[in-house]
Amino acid sequence: MSSGDGSSYSSSKISKKPRYSRFTQQELPACKPILTPGLVITILISLAIIFIPIGLSSLSASQNVVEVVDRYDDVCVPLKPSNSVEQNDERIGFIQDVKTNKTCIRTFIVPKKMKHPIFVYYQLDNFYQNHRRYVKSRSDHQLWSPKDERNTKLCEPEAVNSDNKPIVPCGLIAWSLFNDTYSFSINNTPLTINKKGIAWTSDRTKKFGPNVYPKNFQTGGLIGGAKLNESIPLSEQEDLIVWMRTAALPSFRKLYGKIETDLEANEKITVVIQNNYNTYSFNGRKKLVISTATWIGGKNDFLGKMYITVGATSLFLAVIFLLLYVIKPRPLGDPTYLSWNRNPTFQY
């Protein structure tokens, strides 16, 4: 560095500007499509061609599902429906009284032929299984290993009984297990409900242990839902396994069983219901659902309608853009002037 004038010093200063590279200047090869009218119209028509057939096939499959839904919580109590507080208290008293006969007989007609397997669900409305405290009130370690039966710290207030012995399975989810039962018959001939294989295989084999048996469950104190057979391991208690896979929405269905025979159109089904589950305390509703299934699953028109809506909207926009392009075209700019099509004019 020269000790003379300042010009020699400034000329020798090291520049802090980065060296030029295609990476620092974001000039690496990339797909940069130009959205010309022709390309936009082609994309919209392609979306319509793809989405509309999918939507029609999904909607057709959903329409082919035969489903019967019967709400019974309001008719299976010996009181007329009412919104009054006094009568609701009477309904709660009826459902909580162990001495009352809660048998309820319902009949319905099969609207169309139902091919097996026919799925039997119970549906609950206004039941928030996704509540934070409710979801946390369980012990996965206890459900899997008999060595961890005292691991009940997350299960309050259903963790231990009055003798300070652990409840297996503990927690509010298990405690509130659905306990209504259904018996089906046609012309006084019982209809068998298969309750095997209704739970996810991964739940049976990975979450519920084959050596864990119920203990101190629904005995004394506050009684919640169904009781469990203490001689059957949790991995075989499929009603419990289905119930403990909590629902995300306040209205949900859970699989009760499967009917393995076909039901003919106009057949009269008689269902004997044991109306035990208390939904009256929180203004909930109970429904019995029997349904067939197709490749799309159960009855659900929303998916098909959404595909059709997106496809039809794309087709409509494509037609509008095409008409504008034909009637009132606009000249396109020269793409060679785009920055990524030009060589850099300077370098560091």
Protein backbone atom coordinates (compact mmCIF):
# COMPACT_ATOMS: atom_id res chain seq x y z
CA MET A 1 0.00 0.00 0.00
CA SER A 2 1.42 3.41 -0.97
CA SER A 3 1.77 6.11 1.67
CA GLY A 4 1.32 8.87 -0.96
CA ASP A 5 -2.04 10.22 -2.08
CA GLY A 6 -5.36 8.61 -1.22
CA SER A 7 -6.12 7.54 -4.79
CA SER A 8 -3.72 4.62 -4.57
CA TYR A 9 -5.40 3.51 -1.35
CA SER A 10 -8.89 3.57 -2.80
CA SER A 11 -7.83 1.69 -5.89
CA SER A 12 -6.37 -1.05 -3.75
CA LYS A 13 -9.51 -1.56 -1.60
CA ILE A 14 -10.86 -5.12 -1.72
CA SER A 15 -14.39 -5.20 -3.13
CA LYS A 16 -17.04 -6.79 -0.91
CA LYS A 17 -19.31 -7.55 -3.82
CA PRO A 18 -19.72 -11.30 -4.47
CA ARG A 19 -18.20 -12.76 -7.57
CA TYR A 20 -20.61 -13.31 -10.38
CA SER A 21 -22.06 -16.81 -10.64
CA ARG A 22 -25.24 -18.23 -12.09
CA PHE A 23 -26.15 -19.54 -8.64
CA THR A 24 -25.91 -16.19 -6.81
CA GLN A 25 -27.77 -14.46 -9.63
CA GLN A 26 -30.46 -17.16 -9.71
CA GLU A 27 -29.77 -18.04 -13.31
CA LEU A 28 -29.56 -21.82 -12.96
CA PRO A 29 -31.56 -23.89 -15.46
CA ALA A 30 -35.22 -23.99 -14.47
CA CYS A 31 -38.63 -24.58 -15.97
CA LYS A 32 -40.09 -21.16 -16.65
CA PRO A 33 -43.21 -21.66 -18.74
CA ILE A 34 -44.78 -18.69 -20.43
CA LEU A 35 -48.51 -18.66 -19.74
CA THR A 36 -49.78 -17.93 -23.19
CA PRO A 37 -53.53 -17.99 -23.84
CA GLY A 38 -53.18 -21.29 -25.69
CA LEU A 39 -51.35 -22.93 -22.79
CA VAL A 40 -53.85 -21.68 -20.19
CA ILE A 41 -56.83 -22.88 -22.25
CA THR A 42 -55.17 -26.28 -22.78
CA ILE A 43 -54.52 -26.71 -19.04
CA LEU A 44 -58.12 -25.80 -18.13
CA ILE A 45 -59.57 -28.20 -20.72
CA SER A 46 -57.23 -30.96 -19.48
CA LEU A 47 -58.45 -30.42 -15.90
CA ALA A 48 -62.05 -30.65 -17.08
CA ILE A 49 -61.35 -33.85 -19.04
CA ILE A 50 -59.73 -35.44 -15.97
CA PHE A 51 -61.96 -34.17 -13.15
CA ILE A 52 -65.45 -34.49 -14.65
CA PRO A 53 -65.24 -38.27 -15.42
CA ILE A 54 -63.74 -38.93 -11.98
CA GLY A 55 -66.54 -36.92 -10.36
CA LEU A 56 -69.25 -38.69 -12.34
CA SER A 57 -67.87 -42.14 -11.50
CA SER A 58 -67.50 -41.22 -7.81
CA LEU A 59 -71.03 -39.82 -7.67
CA SER A 60 -72.41 -42.89 -9.44
CA ALA A 61 -70.63 -45.20 -6.98
CA SER A 62 -72.00 -43.20 -4.06
CA GLN A 63 -75.54 -43.34 -5.46
CA ASN A 64 -75.25 -47.14 -5.73
CA VAL A 65 -74.70 -47.42 -1.99
CA VAL A 66 -77.84 -48.58 -0.20
CA GLU A 67 -78.12 -46.96 3.22
CA VAL A 68 -80.73 -46.96 5.95
CA VAL A 69 -80.44 -44.45 8.81
CA ASP A 70 -82.73 -44.60 11.85
CA ARG A 71 -82.54 -42.15 14.74
CA TYR A 72 -83.84 -43.82 17.89
CA ASP A 73 -82.69 -41.83 20.93
CA ASP A 74 -85.81 -39.64 20.82
CA VAL A 75 -88.31 -42.48 20.45
CA CYS A 76 -86.74 -45.09 22.72
CA VAL A 77 -87.72 -43.34 25.94
CA PRO A 78 -91.28 -43.41 27.35
CA LEU A 79 -91.57 -39.63 27.05
CA LYS A 80 -92.70 -37.40 24.25
CA PRO A 81 -89.93 -35.36 22.59
CA SER A 82 -89.56 -31.96 24.18
CA ASN A 83 -86.98 -29.27 24.61
CA SER A 84 -88.05 -28.40 28.12
CA VAL A 85 -85.44 -28.69 30.86
CA GLU A 86 -87.79 -30.66 33.14
CA GLN A 87 -88.50 -33.31 30.55
CA ASN A 88 -84.84 -33.60 29.60
CA ASP A 89 -84.07 -34.24 33.26
CA GLU A 90 -86.68 -37.00 33.23
CA ARG A 91 -85.01 -38.57 30.18
CA ILE A 92 -81.64 -38.46 31.93
CA GLY A 93 -83.20 -40.05 35.01
CA PHE A 94 -84.72 -42.78 32.86
CA ILE A 95 -81.45 -43.65 31.13
CA GLN A 96 -79.48 -43.65 34.40
CA ASP A 97 -81.96 -45.81 36.30
CA VAL A 98 -80.65 -49.39 36.25
CA LYS A 99 -84.12 -50.77 37.04
CA THR A 100 -85.90 -49.43 33.95
CA ASN A 101 -86.42 -51.61 30.90
CA LYS A 102 -84.52 -49.96 28.08
CA THR A 103 -85.53 -52.39 25.34
CA CYS A 104 -86.71 -50.64 22.21
CA ILE A 105 -88.02 -52.30 19.05
CA ARG A 106 -87.60 -50.60 15.70
CA THR A 107 -88.60 -51.79 12.22
CA PHE A 108 -87.68 -50.60 8.75
CA ILE A 109 -88.01 -51.75 5.16
CA VAL A 110 -85.01 -52.51 2.96
CA PRO A 111 -85.36 -50.02 0.06
CA LYS A 112 -83.22 -51.95 -2.44
CA LYS A 113 -81.35 -55.21 -2.52
CA MET A 114 -78.31 -55.01 -0.25
CA LYS A 115 -75.45 -57.32 -1.11
CA HIS A 116 -73.17 -58.54 1.65
CA PRO A 117 -71.08 -57.55 3.43
CA ILE A 118 -73.56 -55.09 4.93
CA PHE A 119 -72.00 -52.80 7.52
CA VAL A 120 -73.79 -51.90 10.74
CA TYR A 121 -72.76 -48.60 12.33
CA TYR A 122 -73.83 -46.55 15.30
CA GLN A 123 -73.73 -42.81 14.78
CA LEU A 124 -73.35 -40.21 17.51
CA ASP A 125 -73.94 -36.48 17.01
CA ASN A 126 -72.75 -33.63 19.24
CA PHE A 127 -70.15 -35.89 20.86
CA TYR A 128 -66.71 -34.24 20.95
CA GLN A 129 -64.22 -37.08 21.07
CA ASN A 130 -61.57 -34.60 19.90
CA HIS A 131 -61.63 -32.63 23.17
CA ARG A 132 -58.06 -32.19 24.43
CA ARG A 133 -58.60 -33.64 27.90
CA TYR A 134 -60.66 -36.51 26.55
CA VAL A 135 -58.05 -37.48 23.94
CA LYS A 136 -55.22 -37.39 26.49
CA SER A 137 -57.10 -39.51 29.04
CA ARG A 138 -55.59 -42.88 28.14
CA SER A 139 -52.39 -44.88 28.67
CA ASP A 140 -50.97 -46.49 25.55
CA HIS A 141 -48.24 -48.19 27.59
CA GLN A 142 -50.84 -49.83 29.82
CA LEU A 143 -52.88 -51.01 26.82
CA TRP A 144 -49.87 -52.83 25.36
CA SER A 145 -47.94 -54.35 28.28
CA PRO A 146 -49.18 -55.95 31.54
CA LYS A 147 -45.99 -54.65 33.20
CA ASP A 148 -47.24 -51.08 32.76
CA GLU A 149 -50.71 -51.49 34.26
CA ARG A 150 -49.85 -48.89 36.91
CA ASN A 151 -48.89 -46.34 34.27
CA THR A 152 -52.09 -44.33 34.79
CA LYS A 153 -50.79 -40.79 35.32
CA LEU A 154 -52.61 -39.49 32.21
CA CYS A 155 -55.90 -41.24 32.99
CA GLU A 156 -57.39 -39.00 35.67
CA PRO A 157 -60.11 -39.04 36.84
CA GLU A 158 -60.47 -42.71 35.81
CA ALA A 159 -57.01 -43.90 36.85
CA VAL A 160 -57.44 -45.98 40.02
CA ASN A 161 -60.42 -47.33 41.95
CA SER A 162 -61.36 -46.67 45.56
CA ASP A 163 -58.80 -49.27 46.71
CA ASN A 164 -56.04 -47.43 44.84
CA LYS A 165 -55.75 -50.27 42.34
CA PRO A 166 -55.17 -49.40 38.69
CA ILE A 167 -58.10 -49.52 36.30
CA VAL A 168 -57.36 -51.44 33.11
CA PRO A 169 -58.04 -49.92 30.64
CA CYS A 170 -57.92 -46.54 32.33
CA GLY A 171 -59.00 -43.13 31.12
CA LEU A 172 -62.14 -41.34 29.97
CA ILE A 173 -62.12 -42.80 26.46
CA ALA A 174 -62.40 -46.38 27.66
CA TRP A 175 -64.72 -45.39 30.52
CA SER A 176 -67.25 -43.88 28.08
CA LEU A 177 -67.36 -46.99 25.84
CA PHE A 178 -70.57 -47.18 23.80
CA ASN A 179 -72.92 -49.78 25.30
CA ASP A 180 -76.09 -49.84 23.18
CA THR A 181 -76.72 -53.25 21.60
CA TYR A 182 -78.63 -54.28 18.48
CA SER A 183 -80.27 -57.60 17.56
CA PHE A 184 -81.59 -58.05 14.01
CA SER A 185 -84.24 -60.44 12.73
CA ILE A 186 -86.25 -61.06 9.56
CA ASN A 187 -89.64 -62.77 9.94
CA ASN A 188 -88.68 -63.87 13.46
CA THR A 189 -85.45 -65.40 12.10
CA PRO A 190 -82.37 -64.00 13.84
CA LEU A 191 -79.85 -62.24 11.62
CA THR A 192 -76.26 -62.86 12.70
CA ILE A 193 -74.00 -59.86 13.23
CA ASN A 194 -70.31 -60.66 12.74
CA LYS A 195 -68.25 -58.57 15.15
CA LYS A 196 -64.89 -60.04 14.19
CA GLY A 197 -62.48 -58.01 12.10
CA ILE A 198 -64.24 -54.68 12.68
CA ALA A 199 -61.11 -53.00 14.12
CA TRP A 200 -57.95 -52.03 12.25
CA THR A 201 -55.39 -54.83 12.12
CA SER A 202 -52.63 -52.38 13.10
CA ASP A 203 -54.57 -51.43 16.25
CA ARG A 204 -55.13 -55.05 17.26
CA THR A 205 -51.51 -56.08 16.74
CA LYS A 206 -49.58 -52.92 17.63
CA LYS A 207 -51.56 -51.00 20.26
CA PHE A 208 -53.53 -53.53 22.33
CA GLY A 209 -51.57 -56.30 24.01
CA PRO A 210 -52.62 -59.97 23.82
CA ASN A 211 -51.59 -60.43 27.46
CA VAL A 212 -53.43 -57.41 28.89
CA TYR A 213 -56.78 -58.19 30.53
CA PRO A 214 -59.39 -55.76 31.90
CA LYS A 215 -59.24 -55.14 35.65
CA ASN A 216 -61.43 -53.05 37.94
CA PHE A 217 -63.25 -51.67 34.90
CA GLN A 218 -66.71 -50.12 35.47
CA THR A 219 -66.91 -51.52 39.01
CA GLY A 220 -68.19 -49.21 41.70
CA GLY A 221 -68.07 -45.44 41.73
CA LEU A 222 -69.17 -43.61 38.61
CA ILE A 223 -70.32 -45.99 35.88
CA GLY A 224 -69.75 -44.83 32.33
CA GLY A 225 -70.40 -47.05 29.35
CA ALA A 226 -70.08 -50.76 28.55
CA LYS A 227 -68.40 -53.38 30.68
CA LEU A 228 -65.62 -55.68 29.47
CA ASN A 229 -65.14 -59.41 29.84
CA GLU A 230 -62.16 -59.87 32.16
CA SER A 231 -61.29 -63.23 30.60
CA ILE A 232 -60.73 -61.77 27.10
CA PRO A 233 -57.50 -59.84 26.34
CA LEU A 234 -57.73 -56.30 25.07
CA SER A 235 -56.43 -57.29 21.64
CA GLU A 236 -59.66 -59.28 21.14
CA GLN A 237 -62.03 -56.64 22.56
CA GLU A 238 -62.76 -55.14 19.17
CA ASP A 239 -65.65 -52.94 20.30
CA LEU A 240 -63.21 -51.21 22.65
CA ILE A 241 -60.52 -50.93 19.97
CA VAL A 242 -62.95 -49.31 17.53
CA TRP A 243 -64.20 -46.88 20.18
CA MET A 244 -60.72 -45.82 21.27
CA ARG A 245 -59.76 -44.65 17.78
CA THR A 246 -61.20 -41.21 18.51
CA ALA A 247 -63.14 -39.25 15.91
CA ALA A 248 -62.06 -35.84 14.63
CA LEU A 249 -65.57 -34.40 14.22
CA PRO A 250 -68.52 -34.14 16.64
CA SER A 251 -70.70 -36.28 14.33
CA PHE A 252 -69.19 -39.68 13.62
CA ARG A 253 -69.96 -43.30 12.85
CA LYS A 254 -68.24 -46.35 14.27
CA LEU A 255 -68.51 -49.90 13.00
CA TYR A 256 -70.64 -52.18 15.16
CA GLY A 257 -70.54 -55.32 13.02
CA LYS A 258 -71.18 -56.86 9.62
CA ILE A 259 -74.10 -58.80 8.16
CA GLU A 260 -72.74 -61.58 5.96
CA THR A 261 -75.96 -62.35 4.02
CA ASP A 262 -77.82 -60.44 1.32
CA LEU A 263 -80.96 -58.50 2.17
CA GLU A 264 -83.70 -58.43 -0.46
CA ALA A 265 -85.70 -55.36 -1.39
CA ASN A 266 -88.86 -54.69 0.67
CA GLU A 267 -87.82 -57.11 3.41
CA LYS A 268 -88.92 -56.01 6.87
CA ILE A 269 -86.10 -55.81 9.38
CA THR A 270 -86.84 -55.85 13.10
CA VAL A 271 -84.18 -54.44 15.42
CA VAL A 272 -84.25 -54.93 19.18
CA ILE A 273 -82.23 -52.11 20.73
CA GLN A 274 -80.97 -51.91 24.28
CA ASN A 275 -80.98 -48.13 24.73
CA ASN A 276 -78.32 -47.81 27.45
CA TYR A 277 -75.97 -45.05 26.31
CA ASN A 278 -76.61 -41.65 27.87
CA THR A 279 -76.55 -38.99 25.17
CA TYR A 280 -79.29 -36.96 26.86
CA SER A 281 -76.91 -35.27 29.29
CA PHE A 282 -75.20 -33.38 26.46
CA ASN A 283 -78.11 -33.17 23.97
CA GLY A 284 -76.54 -35.78 21.74
CA ARG A 285 -78.27 -37.95 19.16
CA LYS A 286 -77.99 -41.66 18.39
CA LYS A 287 -78.62 -43.31 15.04
CA LEU A 288 -78.47 -46.84 13.74
CA VAL A 289 -77.03 -47.13 10.23
CA ILE A 290 -76.86 -50.12 7.92
CA SER A 291 -75.05 -49.61 4.64
CA THR A 292 -73.41 -51.36 1.74
CA ALA A 293 -70.11 -50.19 0.25
CA THR A 294 -68.59 -49.68 -3.19
CA TRP A 295 -65.06 -49.00 -4.41
CA ILE A 296 -65.35 -45.46 -3.05
CA GLY A 297 -66.51 -46.68 0.37
CA GLY A 298 -69.78 -45.66 1.98
CA LYS A 299 -72.32 -43.12 0.81
CA ASN A 300 -70.64 -39.75 0.30
CA ASP A 301 -71.74 -37.46 -2.53
CA PHE A 302 -69.40 -34.63 -1.53
CA LEU A 303 -66.27 -35.99 -3.25
CA GLY A 304 -68.02 -36.60 -6.57
CA LYS A 305 -69.75 -33.20 -6.50
CA MET A 306 -66.46 -31.46 -5.73
CA TYR A 307 -64.68 -33.12 -8.66
CA ILE A 308 -67.55 -32.19 -10.97
CA THR A 309 -67.56 -28.61 -9.68
CA VAL A 310 -63.83 -28.16 -10.26
CA GLY A 311 -64.02 -29.76 -13.72
CA ALA A 312 -67.06 -27.73 -14.76
CA THR A 313 -65.47 -24.50 -13.51
CA SER A 314 -62.30 -25.25 -15.48
CA LEU A 315 -64.34 -25.96 -18.62
CA PHE A 316 -66.35 -22.77 -18.18
CA LEU A 317 -63.20 -20.65 -17.77
CA ALA A 318 -61.61 -22.36 -20.79
CA VAL A 319 -64.60 -21.44 -22.96
CA ILE A 320 -64.57 -17.82 -21.71
CA PHE A 321 -60.83 -17.44 -22.36
CA LEU A 322 -61.17 -19.05 -25.79
CA LEU A 323 -63.95 -16.65 -26.78
CA LEU A 324 -61.96 -13.65 -25.57
CA TYR A 325 -58.88 -14.88 -27.43
CA VAL A 326 -60.83 -15.35 -30.68
CA ILE A 327 -63.04 -12.24 -30.51
CA LYS A 328 -60.57 -9.78 -29.06
CA PRO A 329 -57.02 -11.13 -29.35
CA ARG A 330 -54.10 -9.27 -27.82
CA PRO A 331 -50.56 -9.28 -29.30
CA LEU A 332 -48.00 -11.18 -27.27
CA GLY A 333 -44.66 -9.75 -26.25
CA ASP A 334 -41.37 -11.05 -27.57
CA PRO A 335 -40.15 -13.74 -25.09
CA THR A 336 -36.54 -13.11 -26.11
CA TYR A 337 -36.64 -9.98 -23.97
CA LEU A 338 -37.36 -11.95 -20.80
CA SER A 339 -34.53 -11.78 -18.30
CA TRP A 340 -33.84 -15.50 -18.30
CA ASN A 341 -33.54 -15.55 -22.07
CA ARG A 342 -30.88 -12.82 -22.17
CA ASN A 343 -27.18 -13.10 -21.39
CA PRO A 344 -25.97 -11.08 -18.40
CA THR A 345 -24.66 -7.67 -19.44
CA PHE A 346 -22.32 -7.25 -16.55
CA GLN A 347 -20.17 -9.31 -14.23
CA TYR A 348 -18.64 -8.64 -10.88
